[in-house]
Amino acid sequence: MRTFEPHRIPELLRSRARRPFVPADGRLMIVAADHPARGALGARGRADAMASRPELLDRLRAALGRPGVDGVLGTADILEDLLLMGALEGKVVVSSMNRGGLQGATFELDDRLTGYDVAGTAAAGFEAIKMLTRIDLADPASVATLELCAQVVTDANRAGVVAMVEPFLSNRVDGRVVNDLSPEAVIKSVHITQGLGSSSAYTWMKLPVVDQMERVMEATTLPTLLLGGDPTGAPEETYASWKAALELPSVRGLIVGRALLYPEDDDVAAAVDTAVSLVRPADVVAA
């Protein structure tokens, strides 16, 4: 199809069944799959877990087919594969904006716009655009990232596209970029990034689950989705931390990738079903 019928991609984008970004219950369960474009292929200790695209697509199709899953986050290559497979019908789609800061690169924090822009997101008929916003107070490149994200937030708000900001205070430890997940650092990153742009009407936050989430969520009134990261502990501990955080004001759901696509027991459907059960009651999922 990609070789002989590439014209089908814009045709299918135009005809794709769409739905509102926020469902009637105000909750969202989104599967994230934008890691490979940053060179981040590892999951649960396997450095090459996400290296096979057919395997990743199979896992994504299984996840998106589960009841209660609202949509997916990804880069154009993955989203258009899913589109050709028919897996985006009736789903919320979040485009990934910046992949320039490759994992492990000397320029990792010079995170330029190398994925979707607002115009491309709107033209594709997608509902939101997500931007990773890592800030290292010792790295001059961070100010360029902030300027870029501020412009994207402004453009997205003007276009009526949800601007999903994923902030971190980061620093280099032995040459590696490490995100500071202390409550104080997350709170500071929220305050810095929720002020980006000339409007916040369509701005959402994407935040990690850390200690003292009550304090963290007091830092914002913006709707927030919780990210899963690459968990190393027992699944029960991860699910318990998500459940507690999902009960806080402003938290609207989960946007999780590797923890669900590459679970410890390799049962994608079961992992996704568990996550959905934390986001919304079973009777709402059934309806």
Protein backbone atom coordinates (compact mmCIF):
# COMPACT_ATOMS: atom_id res chain seq x y z
CA MET A 1 0.00 0.00 0.00
CA ARG A 2 2.77 2.43 0.84
CA THR A 3 4.57 1.54 -2.41
CA PHE A 4 1.71 1.60 -4.88
CA GLU A 5 -1.08 3.54 -3.14
CA PRO A 6 0.43 6.28 -0.97
CA HIS A 7 -2.47 8.54 -2.03
CA ARG A 8 -4.70 6.44 0.21
CA ILE A 9 -3.19 8.07 3.32
CA PRO A 10 -4.65 11.57 2.74
CA GLU A 11 -7.86 9.99 1.42
CA LEU A 12 -8.29 7.89 4.56
CA LEU A 13 -7.47 10.87 6.78
CA ARG A 14 -10.28 12.85 5.15
CA SER A 15 -12.79 10.02 5.52
CA ARG A 16 -11.74 8.80 8.99
CA ALA A 17 -14.55 8.52 11.52
CA ARG A 18 -13.86 11.12 14.19
CA ARG A 19 -15.17 11.83 17.69
CA PRO A 20 -14.84 14.63 20.25
CA PHE A 21 -11.55 14.81 22.12
CA VAL A 22 -13.25 14.55 25.51
CA PRO A 23 -16.00 11.90 25.83
CA ALA A 24 -19.20 12.43 27.81
CA ASP A 25 -17.71 11.09 31.05
CA GLY A 26 -14.80 13.55 30.87
CA ARG A 27 -12.22 10.75 31.11
CA LEU A 28 -9.53 9.65 28.63
CA MET A 29 -7.48 6.50 28.14
CA ILE A 30 -4.82 7.02 25.46
CA VAL A 31 -2.05 4.65 24.37
CA ALA A 32 1.34 6.30 23.71
CA ALA A 33 3.65 5.11 20.94
CA ASP A 34 5.94 8.02 20.12
CA HIS A 35 9.08 6.62 21.76
CA PRO A 36 10.88 5.02 18.76
CA ALA A 37 11.31 8.29 16.85
CA ARG A 38 13.48 9.53 19.71
CA GLY A 39 15.62 6.39 19.51
CA ALA A 40 14.08 5.17 22.78
CA LEU A 41 13.44 1.50 21.93
CA GLY A 42 13.82 -0.02 25.39
CA ALA A 43 11.09 -1.38 27.65
CA ARG A 44 11.31 -3.37 30.90
CA GLY A 45 15.06 -3.89 30.62
CA ARG A 46 15.04 -4.94 26.93
CA ALA A 47 17.05 -2.42 24.95
CA ASP A 48 15.44 -3.40 21.63
CA ALA A 49 11.90 -4.17 22.81
CA MET A 50 10.30 -1.71 20.37
CA ALA A 51 12.67 -2.40 17.46
CA SER A 52 10.22 -4.53 15.46
CA ARG A 53 7.61 -2.33 13.80
CA PRO A 54 5.23 -5.20 12.88
CA GLU A 55 5.29 -6.38 16.51
CA LEU A 56 4.68 -2.87 17.82
CA LEU A 57 1.77 -2.41 15.41
CA ASP A 58 0.25 -5.73 16.49
CA ARG A 59 0.47 -4.65 20.12
CA LEU A 60 -1.02 -1.25 19.30
CA ARG A 61 -3.89 -2.82 17.36
CA ALA A 62 -4.61 -5.10 20.32
CA ALA A 63 -4.54 -2.15 22.73
CA LEU A 64 -6.71 0.12 20.59
CA GLY A 65 -9.24 -2.66 20.15
CA ARG A 66 -9.94 -2.96 23.87
CA PRO A 67 -13.17 -1.43 25.22
CA GLY A 68 -12.67 1.93 26.89
CA VAL A 69 -9.51 2.91 24.98
CA ASP A 70 -10.06 6.37 23.51
CA GLY A 71 -7.07 6.84 21.25
CA VAL A 72 -3.35 6.94 20.54
CA LEU A 73 -0.32 9.26 20.60
CA GLY A 74 2.35 8.85 17.93
CA THR A 75 4.52 10.15 15.12
CA ALA A 76 3.42 10.20 11.48
CA ASP A 77 5.00 6.87 10.54
CA ILE A 78 3.15 4.96 13.27
CA LEU A 79 -0.12 6.87 13.02
CA GLU A 80 -0.30 6.40 9.25
CA ASP A 81 0.45 2.68 9.56
CA LEU A 82 -2.45 2.44 12.02
CA LEU A 83 -4.59 4.50 9.65
CA LEU A 84 -3.91 2.08 6.78
CA MET A 85 -4.80 -0.80 9.12
CA GLY A 86 -8.13 0.84 9.98
CA ALA A 87 -7.17 1.13 13.64
CA LEU A 88 -7.76 4.90 13.93
CA GLU A 89 -11.46 4.83 13.10
CA GLY A 90 -13.46 6.56 15.82
CA LYS A 91 -10.34 7.19 17.91
CA VAL A 92 -8.81 10.32 19.38
CA VAL A 93 -5.40 10.97 17.81
CA VAL A 94 -2.61 12.99 19.44
CA SER A 95 0.30 13.93 17.19
CA SER A 96 3.86 14.08 18.49
CA MET A 97 5.67 17.35 17.80
CA ASN A 98 9.32 17.27 18.80
CA ARG A 99 11.62 14.30 18.28
CA GLY A 100 14.84 16.16 17.52
CA GLY A 101 16.40 15.60 20.94
CA LEU A 102 17.48 12.03 20.37
CA GLN A 103 18.03 9.85 23.43
CA GLY A 104 21.72 9.83 24.39
CA ALA A 105 22.77 12.56 21.93
CA THR A 106 24.94 15.51 22.87
CA PHE A 107 22.09 17.63 21.47
CA GLU A 108 19.35 15.78 23.39
CA LEU A 109 18.00 18.96 24.96
CA ASP A 110 18.06 20.91 21.68
CA ASP A 111 14.63 19.46 21.03
CA ARG A 112 13.47 20.99 17.77
CA LEU A 113 10.22 20.53 15.91
CA THR A 114 10.90 17.48 13.75
CA GLY A 115 7.50 15.80 13.97
CA TYR A 116 4.03 17.24 13.48
CA ASP A 117 3.31 20.95 13.50
CA VAL A 118 -0.09 22.49 14.28
CA ALA A 119 -0.99 22.92 10.61
CA GLY A 120 -0.19 19.28 9.86
CA THR A 121 -2.13 18.10 12.90
CA ALA A 122 -5.19 20.12 11.92
CA ALA A 123 -4.95 19.06 8.26
CA ALA A 124 -4.83 15.40 9.31
CA GLY A 125 -7.97 15.90 11.39
CA PHE A 126 -6.21 14.97 14.63
CA GLU A 127 -7.47 16.33 17.92
CA ALA A 128 -4.31 17.26 19.81
CA ILE A 129 -0.58 17.88 19.52
CA LYS A 130 1.84 16.85 22.26
CA MET A 131 5.16 18.51 23.04
CA LEU A 132 7.90 17.22 25.33
CA THR A 133 9.32 20.25 27.16
CA ARG A 134 12.51 19.41 29.01
CA ILE A 135 14.20 22.31 30.81
CA ASP A 136 17.81 22.23 31.97
CA LEU A 137 18.68 25.44 33.77
CA ALA A 138 22.35 24.81 32.93
CA ASP A 139 21.77 24.25 29.20
CA PRO A 140 21.25 27.31 26.94
CA ALA A 141 19.35 25.13 24.43
CA SER A 142 16.41 24.97 26.83
CA VAL A 143 15.33 28.53 26.06
CA ALA A 144 14.90 27.63 22.38
CA THR A 145 12.71 24.67 23.37
CA LEU A 146 10.59 26.95 25.55
CA GLU A 147 10.22 29.48 22.73
CA LEU A 148 9.22 26.76 20.26
CA CYS A 149 6.68 25.20 22.62
CA ALA A 150 5.20 28.62 23.43
CA GLN A 151 4.62 29.27 19.73
CA VAL A 152 3.06 25.85 19.24
CA VAL A 153 0.76 26.40 22.23
CA THR A 154 -0.30 29.74 20.75
CA ASP A 155 -0.91 28.25 17.29
CA ALA A 156 -2.78 25.25 18.68
CA ASN A 157 -5.06 27.40 20.83
CA ARG A 158 -5.87 29.59 17.82
CA ALA A 159 -6.66 26.51 15.74
CA GLY A 160 -8.80 24.86 18.43
CA VAL A 161 -6.35 21.96 18.68
CA VAL A 162 -5.51 20.67 22.16
CA ALA A 163 -1.92 21.58 23.11
CA MET A 164 -0.63 18.83 25.39
CA VAL A 165 2.51 19.90 27.27
CA GLU A 166 4.79 17.31 28.92
CA PRO A 167 7.23 19.23 31.16
CA PHE A 168 10.33 18.10 33.02
CA LEU A 169 13.17 19.81 34.83
CA SER A 170 16.19 17.87 33.55
CA ASN A 171 19.94 17.77 34.02
CA ARG A 172 22.92 15.72 32.90
CA VAL A 173 24.26 13.03 35.21
CA ASP A 174 27.44 11.33 33.95
CA GLY A 175 26.60 12.58 30.48
CA ARG A 176 22.99 11.29 30.48
CA VAL A 177 19.91 13.49 30.55
CA VAL A 178 17.91 12.63 33.67
CA ASN A 179 14.48 14.03 34.55
CA ASP A 180 14.11 15.29 38.12
CA LEU A 181 11.01 13.53 39.47
CA SER A 182 10.98 15.13 42.89
CA PRO A 183 7.64 16.79 43.72
CA GLU A 184 9.33 20.20 43.92
CA ALA A 185 10.86 19.85 40.44
CA VAL A 186 7.62 18.64 38.85
CA ILE A 187 5.67 21.49 40.48
CA LYS A 188 8.18 24.04 39.18
CA SER A 189 8.06 22.56 35.67
CA VAL A 190 4.24 22.78 35.70
CA HIS A 191 4.26 26.44 36.66
CA ILE A 192 6.83 27.30 33.96
CA THR A 193 5.10 25.47 31.12
CA GLN A 194 1.44 26.15 31.87
CA GLY A 195 2.25 29.81 31.27
CA LEU A 196 3.50 29.20 27.71
CA GLY A 197 1.67 30.79 24.79
CA SER A 198 -0.86 33.58 24.37
CA SER A 199 -3.81 31.44 25.49
CA SER A 200 -4.35 28.39 27.68
CA ALA A 201 -7.94 27.66 26.60
CA TYR A 202 -6.94 24.42 24.85
CA THR A 203 -3.84 23.61 26.90
CA TRP A 204 -3.58 20.29 28.77
CA MET A 205 -0.75 18.87 30.88
CA LYS A 206 0.88 15.44 30.63
CA LEU A 207 2.55 14.67 33.96
CA PRO A 208 4.44 11.80 35.60
CA VAL A 209 3.10 10.07 38.69
CA VAL A 210 5.50 11.00 41.48
CA ASP A 211 5.50 11.22 45.27
CA GLN A 212 3.09 13.73 46.83
CA MET A 213 0.84 13.95 43.77
CA GLU A 214 -1.67 15.93 45.83
CA ARG A 215 0.87 18.77 46.03
CA VAL A 216 1.75 18.42 42.36
CA MET A 217 -1.85 18.67 41.18
CA GLU A 218 -2.44 21.75 43.35
CA ALA A 219 -0.02 23.51 40.99
CA THR A 220 -2.48 23.59 38.08
CA THR A 221 -6.10 23.97 37.08
CA LEU A 222 -5.41 22.64 33.57
CA PRO A 223 -6.83 19.23 32.60
CA THR A 224 -4.11 16.63 33.08
CA LEU A 225 -3.31 13.16 31.77
CA LEU A 226 -0.86 10.94 33.65
CA LEU A 227 2.03 9.28 31.84
CA GLY A 228 3.28 5.82 32.64
CA GLY A 229 6.97 5.86 31.69
CA ASP A 230 8.96 2.64 31.69
CA PRO A 231 8.14 1.04 35.06
CA THR A 232 10.65 -1.20 36.77
CA GLY A 233 8.61 -2.24 39.80
CA ALA A 234 5.77 -4.72 40.20
CA PRO A 235 2.69 -3.97 38.06
CA GLU A 236 0.49 -3.93 41.17
CA GLU A 237 2.54 -1.06 42.61
CA THR A 238 2.31 0.88 39.34
CA TYR A 239 -1.46 0.42 39.09
CA ALA A 240 -1.94 1.45 42.72
CA SER A 241 -0.03 4.69 42.18
CA TRP A 242 -2.08 5.45 39.05
CA LYS A 243 -5.34 4.74 40.88
CA ALA A 244 -4.53 7.14 43.70
CA ALA A 245 -3.47 9.91 41.32
CA LEU A 246 -6.56 9.47 39.12
CA GLU A 247 -8.76 10.49 42.05
CA LEU A 248 -7.21 13.97 42.23
CA PRO A 249 -8.85 17.13 40.84
CA SER A 250 -7.84 18.06 37.26
CA VAL A 251 -6.63 14.52 36.48
CA ARG A 252 -8.65 13.32 33.49
CA GLY A 253 -7.05 9.99 32.66
CA LEU A 254 -3.97 8.13 31.47
CA ILE A 255 -1.68 8.39 28.44
CA VAL A 256 0.52 5.32 28.77
CA GLY A 257 2.75 3.41 26.37
CA ARG A 258 5.42 0.88 27.27
CA ALA A 259 3.85 -0.18 30.56
CA LEU A 260 0.79 -1.42 28.64
CA LEU A 261 2.31 -2.41 25.29
CA TYR A 262 5.15 -4.41 26.87
CA PRO A 263 3.78 -5.61 30.23
CA GLU A 264 5.70 -7.95 32.48
CA ASP A 265 3.56 -10.98 31.54
CA ASP A 266 3.31 -9.88 27.86
CA ASP A 267 -0.51 -9.85 28.03
CA VAL A 268 -1.31 -6.54 26.34
CA ALA A 269 -5.09 -6.95 26.52
CA ALA A 270 -5.07 -7.65 30.25
CA ALA A 271 -2.75 -4.72 31.00
CA VAL A 272 -4.88 -2.34 28.96
CA ASP A 273 -8.09 -3.59 30.56
CA THR A 274 -6.62 -2.99 34.01
CA ALA A 275 -5.62 0.56 33.07
CA VAL A 276 -9.08 1.25 31.63
CA SER A 277 -10.70 0.02 34.84
CA LEU A 278 -8.73 2.66 36.76
CA VAL A 279 -9.86 5.45 34.42
CA ARG A 280 -13.59 4.73 34.26
CA PRO A 281 -16.16 2.33 35.84
CA ALA A 282 -17.01 -0.92 34.10
CA ASP A 283 -20.59 0.16 33.37
CA VAL A 284 -19.34 3.22 31.50
CA VAL A 285 -16.91 1.07 29.48
CA ALA A 286 -19.73 -1.33 28.60
CA ALA A 287 -21.96 1.54 27.50
